[in-house]
């Protein structure tokens, strides 16, 4: 069984036991995260497609850790103008483990 969920403006295909990196999410005190934007649900060949989401379906996950992505360097340069600018960025992600997919 797998589901397609939407979080942080992106879509992810998840199954039970998967560990994925998503945009920062806040977990409750127990470390659990409930994702209610389930766009598609596949259960042993029967597919439910939401419009826009599948009614009553949700995904339960737990927060594993907060991680940083790869460093991205933006370098701006103008020739003959003594103008150069270098900026680095590391995106922060929440690493979550999918515990359960609820059909609803």
N, C-alpha and C. Protein backbone atom coordinates (compact mmCIF):
# COMPACT_ATOMS: atom_id res chain seq x y z
N UNK A 1 0.84 -1.17 0.00
CA UNK A 1 0.00 0.00 0.00
C UNK A 1 0.89 1.24 0.00
N UNK A 2 0.56 2.21 -0.83
CA UNK A 2 1.30 3.46 -0.84
C UNK A 2 0.33 4.61 -1.04
N UNK A 3 0.83 5.82 -0.77
CA UNK A 3 0.03 7.02 -0.91
C UNK A 3 0.90 8.13 -1.50
N UNK A 4 0.24 9.08 -2.13
CA UNK A 4 0.91 10.29 -2.60
C UNK A 4 0.41 11.43 -1.72
N UNK A 5 1.34 12.06 -1.00
CA UNK A 5 0.98 13.14 -0.08
C UNK A 5 1.55 14.45 -0.58
N UNK A 6 0.98 15.54 -0.08
CA UNK A 6 1.49 16.87 -0.42
C UNK A 6 1.86 17.58 0.87
N UNK A 7 3.09 18.05 0.94
CA UNK A 7 3.54 18.84 2.08
C UNK A 7 4.67 19.76 1.62
N UNK A 8 4.64 20.99 2.08
CA UNK A 8 5.68 21.94 1.72
C UNK A 8 5.67 22.30 0.25
N UNK A 9 4.52 22.19 -0.43
CA UNK A 9 4.44 22.54 -1.83
C UNK A 9 4.98 21.47 -2.76
N UNK A 10 5.32 20.31 -2.22
CA UNK A 10 5.85 19.22 -3.04
C UNK A 10 5.02 17.97 -2.80
N UNK A 11 5.11 17.02 -3.72
CA UNK A 11 4.38 15.76 -3.60
C UNK A 11 5.37 14.62 -3.42
N UNK A 12 5.03 13.68 -2.55
CA UNK A 12 5.89 12.55 -2.24
C UNK A 12 5.09 11.26 -2.31
N UNK A 13 5.69 10.21 -2.87
CA UNK A 13 5.10 8.88 -2.86
C UNK A 13 5.68 8.16 -1.65
N UNK A 14 4.82 7.75 -0.73
CA UNK A 14 5.29 7.16 0.52
C UNK A 14 4.61 5.81 0.76
N UNK A 15 5.33 4.95 1.43
CA UNK A 15 4.80 3.67 1.89
C UNK A 15 5.20 3.53 3.35
N UNK A 16 4.61 2.56 4.03
CA UNK A 16 4.92 2.37 5.44
C UNK A 16 6.38 1.99 5.61
N UNK A 17 7.07 2.67 6.53
CA UNK A 17 8.47 2.41 6.79
C UNK A 17 9.43 3.31 6.04
N UNK A 18 8.95 4.10 5.08
CA UNK A 18 9.83 5.01 4.33
C UNK A 18 10.34 6.13 5.22
N UNK A 19 11.56 6.58 4.94
CA UNK A 19 12.14 7.74 5.62
C UNK A 19 12.42 8.78 4.53
N UNK A 20 11.80 9.97 4.66
CA UNK A 20 11.95 11.00 3.64
C UNK A 20 12.29 12.33 4.30
N UNK A 21 12.90 13.23 3.51
CA UNK A 21 13.21 14.58 3.95
C UNK A 21 12.18 15.52 3.34
N UNK A 22 11.48 16.29 4.19
CA UNK A 22 10.47 17.24 3.74
C UNK A 22 10.80 18.61 4.30
N UNK A 23 10.11 19.62 3.81
CA UNK A 23 10.27 20.97 4.35
C UNK A 23 9.97 20.94 5.84
N UNK A 24 10.48 21.89 6.58
CA UNK A 24 10.35 21.88 8.04
C UNK A 24 8.91 21.74 8.50
N UNK A 25 8.69 20.80 9.42
CA UNK A 25 7.39 20.56 10.02
C UNK A 25 7.56 20.58 11.53
N UNK A 26 6.51 20.98 12.22
CA UNK A 26 6.55 20.94 13.68
C UNK A 26 5.81 19.70 14.15
N UNK A 27 6.42 18.99 15.08
CA UNK A 27 5.80 17.79 15.64
C UNK A 27 5.22 18.14 17.00
N UNK A 28 4.26 17.33 17.45
CA UNK A 28 3.73 17.53 18.80
C UNK A 28 4.73 16.96 19.81
N UNK A 29 4.37 16.95 21.07
CA UNK A 29 5.31 16.54 22.13
C UNK A 29 5.78 15.10 21.99
N UNK A 30 4.95 14.24 21.40
CA UNK A 30 5.33 12.84 21.26
C UNK A 30 6.18 12.60 20.00
N UNK A 31 6.37 13.63 19.18
CA UNK A 31 7.16 13.48 17.96
C UNK A 31 6.36 13.00 16.77
N UNK A 32 5.04 12.93 16.89
CA UNK A 32 4.17 12.45 15.82
C UNK A 32 3.74 13.61 14.91
N UNK A 33 3.58 13.29 13.64
CA UNK A 33 3.11 14.25 12.65
C UNK A 33 1.97 13.60 11.89
N UNK A 34 0.87 14.33 11.71
CA UNK A 34 -0.27 13.83 10.97
C UNK A 34 -0.40 14.65 9.68
N UNK A 35 -0.32 13.98 8.54
CA UNK A 35 -0.42 14.62 7.24
C UNK A 35 -1.78 14.27 6.64
N UNK A 36 -2.61 15.28 6.39
CA UNK A 36 -3.97 15.05 5.93
C UNK A 36 -4.15 15.30 4.44
N UNK A 37 -3.15 15.84 3.76
CA UNK A 37 -3.25 16.10 2.32
C UNK A 37 -2.82 14.87 1.53
N UNK A 38 -3.69 13.86 1.47
CA UNK A 38 -3.42 12.64 0.72
C UNK A 38 -4.10 12.78 -0.65
N UNK A 39 -3.29 12.81 -1.71
CA UNK A 39 -3.81 13.05 -3.05
C UNK A 39 -4.22 11.76 -3.74
N UNK A 40 -3.54 10.65 -3.42
CA UNK A 40 -3.81 9.37 -4.06
C UNK A 40 -3.55 8.27 -3.06
N UNK A 41 -4.35 7.22 -3.12
CA UNK A 41 -4.21 6.09 -2.20
C UNK A 41 -4.30 4.82 -3.02
N UNK A 42 -3.26 3.97 -2.95
CA UNK A 42 -3.24 2.70 -3.67
C UNK A 42 -3.19 1.58 -2.65
N UNK A 43 -4.23 0.76 -2.64
CA UNK A 43 -4.29 -0.36 -1.71
C UNK A 43 -4.49 -1.64 -2.50
N UNK A 44 -3.41 -2.38 -2.68
CA UNK A 44 -3.40 -3.65 -3.41
C UNK A 44 -4.12 -3.55 -4.76
N UNK A 45 -3.79 -2.54 -5.52
CA UNK A 45 -4.32 -2.42 -6.88
C UNK A 45 -5.55 -1.54 -7.01
N UNK A 46 -6.29 -1.31 -5.94
CA UNK A 46 -7.43 -0.40 -6.05
C UNK A 46 -6.96 1.01 -5.72
N UNK A 47 -7.15 1.91 -6.67
CA UNK A 47 -6.62 3.27 -6.54
C UNK A 47 -7.76 4.23 -6.26
N UNK A 48 -7.56 5.07 -5.24
CA UNK A 48 -8.49 6.15 -4.95
C UNK A 48 -7.77 7.47 -5.24
N UNK A 49 -8.36 8.26 -6.12
CA UNK A 49 -7.78 9.55 -6.45
C UNK A 49 -8.68 10.62 -5.84
N UNK A 50 -8.09 11.55 -5.11
CA UNK A 50 -8.85 12.60 -4.46
C UNK A 50 -9.15 13.75 -5.39
N UNK A 51 -10.13 14.55 -4.98
CA UNK A 51 -10.42 15.75 -5.74
C UNK A 51 -10.64 16.92 -4.79
N UNK A 52 -9.66 17.58 -4.29
CA UNK A 52 -8.23 17.39 -4.49
C UNK A 52 -7.61 16.37 -3.55
N UNK A 53 -8.25 16.04 -2.41
CA UNK A 53 -7.67 15.06 -1.50
C UNK A 53 -8.65 13.91 -1.27
N UNK A 54 -8.12 12.77 -0.84
CA UNK A 54 -8.96 11.62 -0.54
C UNK A 54 -9.62 11.86 0.81
N UNK A 55 -10.95 11.77 0.84
CA UNK A 55 -11.71 12.08 2.05
C UNK A 55 -11.39 11.08 3.16
N UNK A 56 -11.04 11.59 4.32
CA UNK A 56 -10.79 10.76 5.49
C UNK A 56 -9.43 10.09 5.55
N UNK A 57 -8.65 10.14 4.50
CA UNK A 57 -7.34 9.49 4.49
C UNK A 57 -6.30 10.40 5.14
N UNK A 58 -5.35 9.78 5.82
CA UNK A 58 -4.26 10.54 6.44
C UNK A 58 -3.04 9.64 6.56
N UNK A 59 -1.92 10.27 6.78
CA UNK A 59 -0.66 9.56 6.96
C UNK A 59 -0.08 9.97 8.30
N UNK A 60 0.32 8.98 9.08
CA UNK A 60 0.92 9.25 10.38
C UNK A 60 2.42 9.00 10.28
N UNK A 61 3.20 9.96 10.75
CA UNK A 61 4.66 9.87 10.67
C UNK A 61 5.26 10.31 12.00
N UNK A 62 6.53 9.98 12.17
CA UNK A 62 7.24 10.46 13.36
C UNK A 62 8.48 11.22 12.93
N UNK A 63 8.80 12.24 13.68
CA UNK A 63 9.97 13.07 13.40
C UNK A 63 11.22 12.32 13.84
N UNK A 64 12.14 12.11 12.89
CA UNK A 64 13.38 11.42 13.20
C UNK A 64 14.44 12.43 13.61
N UNK A 65 14.59 13.50 12.79
CA UNK A 65 15.65 14.47 13.06
C UNK A 65 15.44 15.68 12.16
N UNK A 66 16.12 16.76 12.48
CA UNK A 66 16.20 17.92 11.60
C UNK A 66 17.57 17.86 10.93
N UNK A 67 17.61 17.98 9.61
CA UNK A 67 18.86 17.87 8.86
C UNK A 67 19.02 19.07 7.94
N UNK A 68 20.24 19.26 7.44
CA UNK A 68 20.53 20.32 6.47
C UNK A 68 20.86 19.69 5.13
N UNK A 69 20.43 20.36 4.07
CA UNK A 69 20.71 19.87 2.72
C UNK A 69 22.10 20.29 2.27
N UNK A 70 22.40 20.02 1.00
CA UNK A 70 23.67 20.39 0.42
C UNK A 70 23.80 21.91 0.33
N UNK A 71 25.02 22.40 0.35
CA UNK A 71 25.26 23.83 0.24
C UNK A 71 25.11 24.26 -1.22
N UNK A 72 24.38 25.36 -1.42
CA UNK A 72 24.20 25.94 -2.74
C UNK A 72 24.88 27.30 -2.72
N UNK A 73 25.74 27.56 -3.70
CA UNK A 73 26.48 28.82 -3.75
C UNK A 73 25.98 29.64 -4.93
N UNK A 74 25.59 30.88 -4.65
CA UNK A 74 25.20 31.83 -5.69
C UNK A 74 26.32 32.86 -5.81
N UNK A 75 26.90 32.99 -6.99
CA UNK A 75 28.00 33.92 -7.20
C UNK A 75 27.61 34.89 -8.31
N UNK A 76 27.54 36.17 -7.96
CA UNK A 76 27.20 37.20 -8.93
C UNK A 76 28.47 38.00 -9.22
N UNK A 77 28.69 38.30 -10.49
CA UNK A 77 29.92 38.94 -10.90
C UNK A 77 29.63 39.87 -12.07
N UNK A 78 30.19 41.09 -12.00
CA UNK A 78 30.10 42.02 -13.11
C UNK A 78 31.52 42.37 -13.54
N UNK A 79 31.82 42.09 -14.77
CA UNK A 79 33.19 42.29 -15.24
C UNK A 79 33.56 43.77 -15.30
N UNK A 80 34.79 44.04 -15.00
CA UNK A 80 35.39 45.38 -15.05
C UNK A 80 34.73 46.38 -14.12
N UNK A 81 33.91 45.96 -13.18
CA UNK A 81 33.23 46.88 -12.30
C UNK A 81 33.63 46.70 -10.83
N UNK A 82 34.57 45.81 -10.57
CA UNK A 82 35.02 45.52 -9.21
C UNK A 82 33.82 45.14 -8.32
N UNK A 83 32.96 44.29 -8.88
CA UNK A 83 31.73 43.93 -8.20
C UNK A 83 31.57 42.41 -8.24
N UNK A 84 31.71 41.77 -7.09
CA UNK A 84 31.49 40.33 -6.99
C UNK A 84 30.81 40.06 -5.66
N UNK A 85 29.84 39.15 -5.69
CA UNK A 85 29.10 38.83 -4.48
C UNK A 85 28.89 37.33 -4.41
N UNK A 86 29.23 36.73 -3.27
CA UNK A 86 29.10 35.30 -3.08
C UNK A 86 28.18 35.05 -1.89
N UNK A 87 27.13 34.26 -2.11
CA UNK A 87 26.16 33.96 -1.06
C UNK A 87 25.97 32.45 -1.02
N UNK A 88 25.99 31.87 0.17
CA UNK A 88 25.75 30.44 0.33
C UNK A 88 24.43 30.21 1.05
N UNK A 89 23.85 29.02 0.82
CA UNK A 89 22.58 28.68 1.46
C UNK A 89 22.53 27.18 1.70
N UNK A 90 22.05 26.79 2.88
CA UNK A 90 21.79 25.39 3.18
C UNK A 90 20.36 25.27 3.69
N UNK A 91 19.53 24.58 2.93
CA UNK A 91 18.13 24.41 3.29
C UNK A 91 18.00 23.44 4.46
N UNK A 92 17.09 23.74 5.36
CA UNK A 92 16.84 22.86 6.50
C UNK A 92 15.63 21.98 6.20
N UNK A 93 15.73 20.70 6.55
CA UNK A 93 14.67 19.74 6.30
C UNK A 93 14.32 19.00 7.58
N UNK A 94 13.12 18.44 7.60
CA UNK A 94 12.70 17.54 8.67
C UNK A 94 12.73 16.14 8.09
N UNK A 95 13.45 15.24 8.74
CA UNK A 95 13.50 13.84 8.30
C UNK A 95 12.41 13.10 9.06
N UNK A 96 11.46 12.51 8.31
CA UNK A 96 10.34 11.84 8.96
C UNK A 96 10.28 10.38 8.50
N UNK A 97 9.74 9.54 9.38
CA UNK A 97 9.53 8.13 9.07
C UNK A 97 8.04 7.87 9.03
N UNK A 98 7.56 7.25 7.95
CA UNK A 98 6.14 6.98 7.80
C UNK A 98 5.78 5.76 8.64
N UNK A 99 4.85 5.95 9.57
CA UNK A 99 4.43 4.87 10.46
C UNK A 99 3.23 4.12 9.92
N UNK A 100 2.22 4.86 9.45
CA UNK A 100 0.97 4.24 9.09
C UNK A 100 0.23 5.08 8.07
N UNK A 101 -0.45 4.41 7.15
CA UNK A 101 -1.32 5.08 6.18
C UNK A 101 -2.74 4.68 6.52
N UNK A 102 -3.56 5.68 6.86
CA UNK A 102 -4.95 5.41 7.26
C UNK A 102 -5.88 5.67 6.08
N UNK A 103 -6.79 4.75 5.84
CA UNK A 103 -7.69 4.83 4.68
C UNK A 103 -8.83 5.81 4.89
N UNK A 104 -9.36 5.88 6.08
CA UNK A 104 -10.43 6.81 6.36
C UNK A 104 -11.78 6.33 6.08
